[in-house]
Amino acid sequence: MEKKLNKYETIFVVSGELEETAAKAVAEKFTSLISTNGSIDQLSDWGKRRLAYPINDILDGYYTLVNFTTDSEFPKELDRIYNITDGVLRSIIVKRDE
């Protein structure tokens, strides 16, 4: 039986204390993980921006927004990997309406 694919949106913030190349490497890790487990519909690199409030005394972060399509099991695994990856300050995954 074929798994039902859903559309999701995720945004993650990588610490601004990292070098730009290191932050891009973290973002590339997640975009390749997403493309391996689904398909990327849209990818937006927002670059380095000021955070709305300090997180662990960090004031800036590199933002990346990804719209993707995958099965319903993958977002739980993606969230787990966000939480154990050094340098990721915040992340959110939202299921989009069809």
PDB file of N, CA and C in Angstrom:
ATOM      1  N   MET A   1       0.834  -1.181   0.000  1.00  0.00           N
ATOM      2  CA  MET A   1       0.000   0.000   0.000  1.00  0.00           C
ATOM      3  C   MET A   1       0.879   1.245   0.000  1.00  0.00           C
ATOM      4  N   GLU A   2       0.543   2.196  -0.825  1.00  0.00           N
ATOM      5  CA  GLU A   2       1.330   3.406  -0.969  1.00  0.00           C
ATOM      6  C   GLU A   2       1.088   4.353   0.204  1.00  0.00           C
ATOM      7  N   LYS A   3       2.177   4.915   0.733  1.00  0.00           N
ATOM      8  CA  LYS A   3       2.043   5.874   1.827  1.00  0.00           C
ATOM      9  C   LYS A   3       1.517   7.195   1.288  1.00  0.00           C
ATOM     10  N   LYS A   4       0.668   7.845   2.085  1.00  0.00           N
ATOM     11  CA  LYS A   4       0.140   9.152   1.701  1.00  0.00           C
ATOM     12  C   LYS A   4       1.204  10.214   1.973  1.00  0.00           C
ATOM     13  N   LEU A   5       1.452  11.037   0.982  1.00  0.00           N
ATOM     14  CA  LEU A   5       2.427  12.114   1.133  1.00  0.00           C
ATOM     15  C   LEU A   5       1.715  13.390   1.558  1.00  0.00           C
ATOM     16  N   ASN A   6       2.332  14.112   2.484  1.00  0.00           N
ATOM     17  CA  ASN A   6       1.784  15.366   2.984  1.00  0.00           C
ATOM     18  C   ASN A   6       2.763  16.491   2.711  1.00  0.00           C
ATOM     19  N   LYS A   7       2.245  17.706   2.687  1.00  0.00           N
ATOM     20  CA  LYS A   7       3.086  18.891   2.500  1.00  0.00           C
ATOM     21  C   LYS A   7       3.392  19.499   3.864  1.00  0.00           C
ATOM     22  N   TYR A   8       4.659  19.862   4.057  1.00  0.00           N
ATOM     23  CA  TYR A   8       5.113  20.441   5.319  1.00  0.00           C
ATOM     24  C   TYR A   8       5.935  21.691   5.051  1.00  0.00           C
ATOM     25  N   GLU A   9       6.064  22.491   6.106  1.00  0.00           N
ATOM     26  CA  GLU A   9       6.918  23.672   6.070  1.00  0.00           C
ATOM     27  C   GLU A   9       7.757  23.645   7.333  1.00  0.00           C
ATOM     28  N   THR A  10       9.037  23.876   7.196  1.00  0.00           N
ATOM     29  CA  THR A  10       9.912  23.941   8.365  1.00  0.00           C
ATOM     30  C   THR A  10      10.797  25.179   8.259  1.00  0.00           C
ATOM     31  N   ILE A  11      11.047  25.762   9.405  1.00  0.00           N
ATOM     32  CA  ILE A  11      12.020  26.846   9.477  1.00  0.00           C
ATOM     33  C   ILE A  11      12.935  26.522  10.644  1.00  0.00           C
ATOM     34  N   PHE A  12      14.223  26.723  10.435  1.00  0.00           N
ATOM     35  CA  PHE A  12      15.170  26.485  11.518  1.00  0.00           C
ATOM     36  C   PHE A  12      16.174  27.626  11.566  1.00  0.00           C
ATOM     37  N   VAL A  13      16.657  27.894  12.782  1.00  0.00           N
ATOM     38  CA  VAL A  13      17.588  28.986  13.022  1.00  0.00           C
ATOM     39  C   VAL A  13      18.884  28.392  13.549  1.00  0.00           C
ATOM     40  N   VAL A  14      19.970  28.677  12.842  1.00  0.00           N
ATOM     41  CA  VAL A  14      21.295  28.217  13.230  1.00  0.00           C
ATOM     42  C   VAL A  14      22.010  29.372  13.922  1.00  0.00           C
ATOM     43  N   SER A  15      22.762  29.058  14.954  1.00  0.00           N
ATOM     44  CA  SER A  15      23.437  30.072  15.768  1.00  0.00           C
ATOM     45  C   SER A  15      24.249  31.054  14.927  1.00  0.00           C
ATOM     46  N   GLY A  16      24.102  32.333  15.240  1.00  0.00           N
ATOM     47  CA  GLY A  16      24.867  33.375  14.561  1.00  0.00           C
ATOM     48  C   GLY A  16      26.312  33.427  15.009  1.00  0.00           C
ATOM     49  N   GLU A  17      26.654  32.698  16.065  1.00  0.00           N
ATOM     50  CA  GLU A  17      28.041  32.662  16.527  1.00  0.00           C
ATOM     51  C   GLU A  17      28.916  31.766  15.652  1.00  0.00           C
ATOM     52  N   LEU A  18      28.295  30.929  14.831  1.00  0.00           N
ATOM     53  CA  LEU A  18      29.054  30.081  13.910  1.00  0.00           C
ATOM     54  C   LEU A  18      29.548  30.909  12.728  1.00  0.00           C
ATOM     55  N   GLU A  19      30.639  30.458  12.128  1.00  0.00           N
ATOM     56  CA  GLU A  19      31.096  31.064  10.879  1.00  0.00           C
ATOM     57  C   GLU A  19      30.012  30.845   9.827  1.00  0.00           C
ATOM     58  N   GLU A  20      29.957  31.707   8.827  1.00  0.00           N
ATOM     59  CA  GLU A  20      28.938  31.577   7.789  1.00  0.00           C
ATOM     60  C   GLU A  20      29.050  30.237   7.064  1.00  0.00           C
ATOM     61  N   THR A  21      30.262  29.770   6.814  1.00  0.00           N
ATOM     62  CA  THR A  21      30.425  28.485   6.129  1.00  0.00           C
ATOM     63  C   THR A  21      29.930  27.326   6.993  1.00  0.00           C
ATOM     64  N   ALA A  22      30.148  27.406   8.310  1.00  0.00           N
ATOM     65  CA  ALA A  22      29.670  26.354   9.215  1.00  0.00           C
ATOM     66  C   ALA A  22      28.149  26.361   9.290  1.00  0.00           C
ATOM     67  N   ALA A  23      27.551  27.558   9.303  1.00  0.00           N
ATOM     68  CA  ALA A  23      26.091  27.664   9.336  1.00  0.00           C
ATOM     69  C   ALA A  23      25.484  27.119   8.048  1.00  0.00           C
ATOM     70  N   LYS A  24      26.129  27.401   6.921  1.00  0.00           N
ATOM     71  CA  LYS A  24      25.651  26.866   5.640  1.00  0.00           C
ATOM     72  C   LYS A  24      25.788  25.342   5.595  1.00  0.00           C
ATOM     73  N   ALA A  25      26.809  24.808   6.229  1.00  0.00           N
ATOM     74  CA  ALA A  25      27.001  23.356   6.284  1.00  0.00           C
ATOM     75  C   ALA A  25      25.881  22.696   7.090  1.00  0.00           C
ATOM     76  N   VAL A  26      25.477  23.324   8.195  1.00  0.00           N
ATOM     77  CA  VAL A  26      24.365  22.793   8.993  1.00  0.00           C
ATOM     78  C   VAL A  26      23.072  22.842   8.179  1.00  0.00           C
ATOM     79  N   ALA A  27      22.828  23.966   7.487  1.00  0.00           N
ATOM     80  CA  ALA A  27      21.630  24.093   6.653  1.00  0.00           C
ATOM     81  C   ALA A  27      21.644  23.062   5.531  1.00  0.00           C
ATOM     82  N   GLU A  28      22.808  22.826   4.930  1.00  0.00           N
ATOM     83  CA  GLU A  28      22.930  21.831   3.860  1.00  0.00           C
ATOM     84  C   GLU A  28      22.659  20.428   4.387  1.00  0.00           C
ATOM     85  N   LYS A  29      23.084  20.154   5.615  1.00  0.00           N
ATOM     86  CA  LYS A  29      22.818  18.853   6.235  1.00  0.00           C
ATOM     87  C   LYS A  29      21.307  18.589   6.279  1.00  0.00           C
ATOM     88  N   PHE A  30      20.538  19.592   6.695  1.00  0.00           N
ATOM     89  CA  PHE A  30      19.097  19.402   6.817  1.00  0.00           C
ATOM     90  C   PHE A  30      18.391  19.386   5.466  1.00  0.00           C
ATOM     91  N   THR A  31      18.817  20.203   4.531  1.00  0.00           N
ATOM     92  CA  THR A  31      18.172  20.181   3.213  1.00  0.00           C
ATOM     93  C   THR A  31      18.452  18.865   2.497  1.00  0.00           C
ATOM     94  N   SER A  32      19.659  18.310   2.646  1.00  0.00           N
ATOM     95  CA  SER A  32      19.935  17.016   2.016  1.00  0.00           C
ATOM     96  C   SER A  32      19.169  15.894   2.709  1.00  0.00           C
ATOM     97  N   LEU A  33      19.013  15.984   4.035  1.00  0.00           N
ATOM     98  CA  LEU A  33      18.221  14.996   4.769  1.00  0.00           C
ATOM     99  C   LEU A  33      16.762  15.027   4.319  1.00  0.00           C
ATOM    100  N   ILE A  34      16.216  16.227   4.146  1.00  0.00           N
ATOM    101  CA  ILE A  34      14.834  16.370   3.691  1.00  0.00           C
ATOM    102  C   ILE A  34      14.678  15.836   2.269  1.00  0.00           C
ATOM    103  N   SER A  35      15.613  16.178   1.382  1.00  0.00           N
ATOM    104  CA  SER A  35      15.490  15.723  -0.007  1.00  0.00           C
ATOM    105  C   SER A  35      15.682  14.213  -0.127  1.00  0.00           C
ATOM    106  N   THR A  36      16.432  13.605   0.782  1.00  0.00           N
ATOM    107  CA  THR A  36      16.603  12.156   0.784  1.00  0.00           C
ATOM    108  C   THR A  36      15.305  11.448   1.179  1.00  0.00           C
ATOM    109  N   ASN A  37      14.557  12.048   2.109  1.00  0.00           N
ATOM    110  CA  ASN A  37      13.341  11.426   2.635  1.00  0.00           C
ATOM    111  C   ASN A  37      12.054  11.968   2.025  1.00  0.00           C
ATOM    112  N   GLY A  38      12.161  12.838   1.055  1.00  0.00           N
ATOM    113  CA  GLY A  38      10.990  13.429   0.406  1.00  0.00           C
ATOM    114  C   GLY A  38      11.448  14.294  -0.746  1.00  0.00           C
ATOM    115  N   SER A  39      10.651  15.311  -1.050  1.00  0.00           N
ATOM    116  CA  SER A  39      11.053  16.241  -2.108  1.00  0.00           C
ATOM    117  C   SER A  39      10.888  17.674  -1.613  1.00  0.00           C
ATOM    118  N   ILE A  40      11.862  18.503  -1.947  1.00  0.00           N
ATOM    119  CA  ILE A  40      11.823  19.910  -1.554  1.00  0.00           C
ATOM    120  C   ILE A  40      11.043  20.675  -2.612  1.00  0.00           C
ATOM    121  N   ASP A  41       9.984  21.361  -2.177  1.00  0.00           N
ATOM    122  CA  ASP A  41       9.164  22.167  -3.082  1.00  0.00           C
ATOM    123  C   ASP A  41       9.731  23.572  -3.227  1.00  0.00           C
ATOM    124  N   GLN A  42      10.217  24.129  -2.113  1.00  0.00           N
ATOM    125  CA  GLN A  42      10.771  25.478  -2.138  1.00  0.00           C
ATOM    126  C   GLN A  42      11.791  25.603  -1.012  1.00  0.00           C
ATOM    127  N   LEU A  43      12.887  26.282  -1.299  1.00  0.00           N
ATOM    128  CA  LEU A  43      13.949  26.496  -0.319  1.00  0.00           C
ATOM    129  C   LEU A  43      14.290  27.977  -0.295  1.00  0.00           C
ATOM    130  N   SER A  44      14.232  28.596   0.887  1.00  0.00           N
ATOM    131  CA  SER A  44      14.551  30.015   1.027  1.00  0.00           C
ATOM    132  C   SER A  44      15.590  30.195   2.121  1.00  0.00           C
ATOM    133  N   ASP A  45      16.746  30.719   1.745  1.00  0.00           N
ATOM    134  CA  ASP A  45      17.790  31.042   2.718  1.00  0.00           C
ATOM    135  C   ASP A  45      17.646  32.518   3.051  1.00  0.00           C
ATOM    136  N   TRP A  46      17.227  32.817   4.266  1.00  0.00           N
ATOM    137  CA  TRP A  46      16.987  34.205   4.662  1.00  0.00           C
ATOM    138  C   TRP A  46      18.246  34.897   5.166  1.00  0.00           C
ATOM    139  N   GLY A  47      19.304  34.150   5.353  1.00  0.00           N
ATOM    140  CA  GLY A  47      20.564  34.735   5.793  1.00  0.00           C
ATOM    141  C   GLY A  47      20.582  35.031   7.290  1.00  0.00           C
ATOM    142  N   LYS A  48      21.554  35.858   7.675  1.00  0.00           N
ATOM    143  CA  LYS A  48      21.744  36.187   9.094  1.00  0.00           C
ATOM    144  C   LYS A  48      20.843  37.351   9.472  1.00  0.00           C
ATOM    145  N   ARG A  49      20.085  37.150  10.548  1.00  0.00           N
ATOM    146  CA  ARG A  49      19.163  38.188  11.033  1.00  0.00           C
ATOM    147  C   ARG A  49      19.219  38.262  12.549  1.00  0.00           C
ATOM    148  N   ARG A  50      18.784  39.378  13.059  1.00  0.00           N
ATOM    149  CA  ARG A  50      18.689  39.586  14.503  1.00  0.00           C
ATOM    150  C   ARG A  50      17.524  38.771  15.039  1.00  0.00           C
ATOM    151  N   LEU A  51      17.728  38.068  16.157  1.00  0.00           N
ATOM    152  CA  LEU A  51      16.664  37.302  16.791  1.00  0.00           C
ATOM    153  C   LEU A  51      15.703  38.256  17.512  1.00  0.00           C
ATOM    154  N   ALA A  52      14.466  37.861  17.678  1.00  0.00           N
ATOM    155  CA  ALA A  52      13.480  38.682  18.382  1.00  0.00           C
ATOM    156  C   ALA A  52      13.856  38.825  19.853  1.00  0.00           C
ATOM    157  N   TYR A  53      14.497  37.812  20.404  1.00  0.00           N
ATOM    158  CA  TYR A  53      14.957  37.848  21.786  1.00  0.00           C
ATOM    159  C   TYR A  53      16.200  36.973  21.885  1.00  0.00           C
ATOM    160  N   PRO A  54      17.092  37.253  22.838  1.00  0.00           N
ATOM    161  CA  PRO A  54      18.315  36.446  22.963  1.00  0.00           C
ATOM    162  C   PRO A  54      17.998  35.001  23.344  1.00  0.00           C
ATOM    163  N   ILE A  55      18.703  34.064  22.732  1.00  0.00           N
ATOM    164  CA  ILE A  55      18.598  32.643  23.070  1.00  0.00           C
ATOM    165  C   ILE A  55      19.988  32.213  23.515  1.00  0.00           C
ATOM    166  N   ASN A  56      20.132  31.855  24.785  1.00  0.00           N
ATOM    167  CA  ASN A  56      21.437  31.492  25.360  1.00  0.00           C
ATOM    168  C   ASN A  56      22.480  32.585  25.095  1.00  0.00           C
ATOM    169  N   ASP A  57      22.085  33.832  25.258  1.00  0.00           N
ATOM    170  CA  ASP A  57      22.938  35.015  25.056  1.00  0.00           C
ATOM    171  C   ASP A  57      23.393  35.190  23.610  1.00  0.00           C
ATOM    172  N   ILE A  58      22.710  34.562  22.671  1.00  0.00           N
ATOM    173  CA  ILE A  58      23.015  34.709  21.246  1.00  0.00           C
ATOM    174  C   ILE A  58      21.974  35.659  20.656  1.00  0.00           C
ATOM    175  N   LEU A  59      22.431  36.659  19.890  1.00  0.00           N
ATOM    176  CA  LEU A  59      21.535  37.694  19.382  1.00  0.00           C
ATOM    177  C   LEU A  59      21.189  37.542  17.903  1.00  0.00           C
ATOM    178  N   ASP A  60      21.993  36.783  17.145  1.00  0.00           N
ATOM    179  CA  ASP A  60      21.781  36.637  15.707  1.00  0.00           C
ATOM    180  C   ASP A  60      21.676  35.167  15.331  1.00  0.00           C
ATOM    181  N   GLY A  61      21.016  34.913  14.195  1.00  0.00           N
ATOM    182  CA  GLY A  61      20.906  33.547  13.714  1.00  0.00           C
ATOM    183  C   GLY A  61      20.725  33.510  12.213  1.00  0.00           C
ATOM    184  N   TYR A  62      21.075  32.386  11.614  1.00  0.00           N
ATOM    185  CA  TYR A  62      20.902  32.156  10.183  1.00  0.00           C
ATOM    186  C   TYR A  62      19.580  31.400   9.991  1.00  0.00           C
ATOM    187  N   TYR A  63      18.655  31.990   9.244  1.00  0.00           N
ATOM    188  CA  TYR A  63      17.323  31.421   9.045  1.00  0.00           C
ATOM    189  C   TYR A  63      17.239  30.683   7.710  1.00  0.00           C
ATOM    190  N   THR A  64      16.586  29.519   7.718  1.00  0.00           N
ATOM    191  CA  THR A  64      16.332  28.759   6.497  1.00  0.00           C
ATOM    192  C   THR A  64      14.894  28.247   6.536  1.00  0.00           C
ATOM    193  N   LEU A  65      14.146  28.493   5.460  1.00  0.00           N
ATOM    194  CA  LEU A  65      12.761  28.046   5.326  1.00  0.00           C
ATOM    195  C   LEU A  65      12.693  27.012   4.214  1.00  0.00           C
ATOM    196  N   VAL A  66      12.054  25.859   4.493  1.00  0.00           N
ATOM    197  CA  VAL A  66      11.946  24.789   3.505  1.00  0.00           C
ATOM    198  C   VAL A  66      10.503  24.307   3.446  1.00  0.00           C
ATOM    199  N   ASN A  67       9.923  24.303   2.257  1.00  0.00           N
ATOM    200  CA  ASN A  67       8.629  23.669   2.009  1.00  0.00           C
ATOM    201  C   ASN A  67       8.934  22.338   1.342  1.00  0.00           C
ATOM    202  N   PHE A  68       8.359  21.254   1.888  1.00  0.00           N
ATOM    203  CA  PHE A  68       8.689  19.934   1.356  1.00  0.00           C
ATOM    204  C   PHE A  68       7.489  18.993   1.430  1.00  0.00           C
ATOM    205  N   THR A  69       7.595  17.891   0.690  1.00  0.00           N
ATOM    206  CA  THR A  69       6.563  16.859   0.653  1.00  0.00           C
ATOM    207  C   THR A  69       7.204  15.543   1.080  1.00  0.00           C
ATOM    208  N   THR A  70       6.558  14.858   2.032  1.00  0.00           N
ATOM    209  CA  THR A  70       7.075  13.588   2.521  1.00  0.00           C
ATOM    210  C   THR A  70       5.958  12.813   3.203  1.00  0.00           C
ATOM    211  N   ASP A  71       6.278  11.597   3.668  1.00  0.00           N
ATOM    212  CA  ASP A  71       5.273  10.818   4.396  1.00  0.00           C
ATOM    213  C   ASP A  71       5.145  11.347   5.828  1.00  0.00           C
ATOM    214  N   SER A  72       4.144  10.892   6.545  1.00  0.00           N
ATOM    215  CA  SER A  72       3.823  11.447   7.857  1.00  0.00           C
ATOM    216  C   SER A  72       4.793  11.029   8.968  1.00  0.00           C
ATOM    217  N   GLU A  73       5.663  10.063   8.726  1.00  0.00           N
ATOM    218  CA  GLU A  73       6.598   9.605   9.752  1.00  0.00           C
ATOM    219  C   GLU A  73       7.868  10.467   9.833  1.00  0.00           C
ATOM    220  N   PHE A  74       8.285  11.026   8.727  1.00  0.00           N
ATOM    221  CA  PHE A  74       9.571  11.739   8.670  1.00  0.00           C
ATOM    222  C   PHE A  74       9.644  12.989   9.546  1.00  0.00           C
ATOM    223  N   PRO A  75       8.611  13.828   9.657  1.00  0.00           N
ATOM    224  CA  PRO A  75       8.745  15.040  10.484  1.00  0.00           C
ATOM    225  C   PRO A  75       9.139  14.763  11.942  1.00  0.00           C
ATOM    226  N   LYS A  76       8.694  13.657  12.508  1.00  0.00           N
ATOM    227  CA  LYS A  76       9.090  13.318  13.886  1.00  0.00           C
ATOM    228  C   LYS A  76      10.592  13.076  13.962  1.00  0.00           C
ATOM    229  N   GLU A  77      11.131  12.377  12.974  1.00  0.00           N
ATOM    230  CA  GLU A  77      12.570  12.109  12.933  1.00  0.00           C
ATOM    231  C   GLU A  77      13.352  13.398  12.680  1.00  0.00           C
ATOM    232  N   LEU A  78      12.864  14.242  11.796  1.00  0.00           N
ATOM    233  CA  LEU A  78      13.520  15.518  11.514  1.00  0.00           C
ATOM    234  C   LEU A  78      13.575  16.379  12.776  1.00  0.00           C
ATOM    235  N   ASP A  79      12.487  16.437  13.525  1.00  0.00           N
ATOM    236  CA  ASP A  79      12.447  17.207  14.760  1.00  0.00           C
ATOM    237  C   ASP A  79      13.454  16.657  15.772  1.00  0.00           C
ATOM    238  N   ARG A  80      13.561  15.347  15.852  1.00  0.00           N
ATOM    239  CA  ARG A  80      14.522  14.726  16.763  1.00  0.00           C
ATOM    240  C   ARG A  80      15.953  15.127  16.394  1.00  0.00           C
ATOM    241  N   ILE A  81      16.242  15.135  15.105  1.00  0.00           N
ATOM    242  CA  ILE A  81      17.586  15.494  14.656  1.00  0.00           C
ATOM    243  C   ILE A  81      17.867  16.983  14.888  1.00  0.00           C
ATOM    244  N   TYR A  82      16.848  17.840  14.686  1.00  0.00           N
ATOM    245  CA  TYR A  82      17.012  19.265  15.030  1.00  0.00           C
ATOM    246  C   TYR A  82      17.445  19.408  16.489  1.00  0.00           C
ATOM    247  N   ASN A  83      16.767  18.680  17.374  1.00  0.00           N
ATOM    248  CA  ASN A  83      16.998  18.834  18.812  1.00  0.00           C
ATOM    249  C   ASN A  83      18.358  18.341  19.272  1.00  0.00           C
ATOM    250  N   ILE A  84      18.982  17.424  18.542  1.00  0.00           N
ATOM    251  CA  ILE A  84      20.285  16.909  18.981  1.00  0.00           C
ATOM    252  C   ILE A  84      21.455  17.509  18.208  1.00  0.00           C
ATOM    253  N   THR A  85      21.179  18.408  17.278  1.00  0.00           N
ATOM    254  CA  THR A  85      22.247  19.013  16.476  1.00  0.00           C
ATOM    255  C   THR A  85      22.744  20.289  17.138  1.00  0.00           C
ATOM    256  N   ASP A  86      24.052  20.344  17.392  1.00  0.00           N
ATOM    257  CA  ASP A  86      24.652  21.549  17.952  1.00  0.00           C
ATOM    258  C   ASP A  86      24.544  22.682  16.941  1.00  0.00           C
ATOM    259  N   GLY A  87      24.227  23.860  17.427  1.00  0.00           N
ATOM    260  CA  GLY A  87      24.145  25.029  16.564  1.00  0.00           C
ATOM    261  C   GLY A  87      22.736  25.385  16.153  1.00  0.00           C
ATOM    262  N   VAL A  88      21.781  24.468  16.258  1.00  0.00           N
ATOM    263  CA  VAL A  88      20.393  24.791  15.922  1.00  0.00           C
ATOM    264  C   VAL A  88      19.742  25.390  17.162  1.00  0.00           C
ATOM    265  N   LEU A  89      19.347  26.671  17.050  1.00  0.00           N
ATOM    266  CA  LEU A  89      18.743  27.367  18.186  1.00  0.00           C
ATOM    267  C   LEU A  89      17.254  27.062  18.316  1.00  0.00           C
ATOM    268  N   ARG A  90      16.532  27.161  17.212  1.00  0.00           N
ATOM    269  CA  ARG A  90      15.091  26.931  17.203  1.00  0.00           C
ATOM    270  C   ARG A  90      14.696  26.295  15.884  1.00  0.00           C
ATOM    271  N   SER A  91      13.593  25.538  15.927  1.00  0.00           N
ATOM    272  CA  SER A  91      13.058  24.947  14.708  1.00  0.00           C
ATOM    273  C   SER A  91      11.580  24.679  14.912  1.00  0.00           C
ATOM    274  N   ILE A  92      10.858  24.635  13.799  1.00  0.00           N
ATOM    275  CA  ILE A  92       9.447  24.292  13.836  1.00  0.00           C
ATOM    276  C   ILE A  92       9.099  23.592  12.525  1.00  0.00           C
ATOM    277  N   ILE A  93       8.202  22.610  12.632  1.00  0.00           N
ATOM    278  CA  ILE A  93       7.699  21.897  11.459  1.00  0.00           C
ATOM    279  C   ILE A  93       6.193  21.971  11.502  1.00  0.00           C
ATOM    280  N   VAL A  94       5.581  22.423  10.411  1.00  0.00           N
ATOM    281  CA  VAL A  94       4.136  22.611  10.354  1.00  0.00           C
ATOM    282  C   VAL A  94       3.593  21.886   9.118  1.00  0.00           C
ATOM    283  N   LYS A  95       2.483  21.146   9.307  1.00  0.00           N
ATOM    284  CA  LYS A  95       1.826  20.524   8.168  1.00  0.00           C
ATOM    285  C   LYS A  95       1.009  21.582   7.462  1.00  0.00           C
ATOM    286  N   ARG A  96       1.202  21.701   6.154  1.00  0.00           N
ATOM    287  CA  ARG A  96       0.478  22.694   5.359  1.00  0.00           C
ATOM    288  C   ARG A  96      -0.825  22.101   4.839  1.00  0.00           C
ATOM    289  N   ASP A  97      -1.827  22.958   4.681  1.00  0.00           N
ATOM    290  CA  ASP A  97      -3.093  22.539   4.092  1.00  0.00           C
ATOM    291  C   ASP A  97      -2.909  22.285   2.609  1.00  0.00           C
ATOM    292  N   GLU A  98      -3.661  21.351   2.096  1.00  0.00           N
ATOM    293  CA  GLU A  98      -3.590  21.012   0.668  1.00  0.00           C
ATOM    294  C   GLU A  98      -4.133  22.123  -0.184  1.00  0.00           C
TER     295      GLU A  98
END
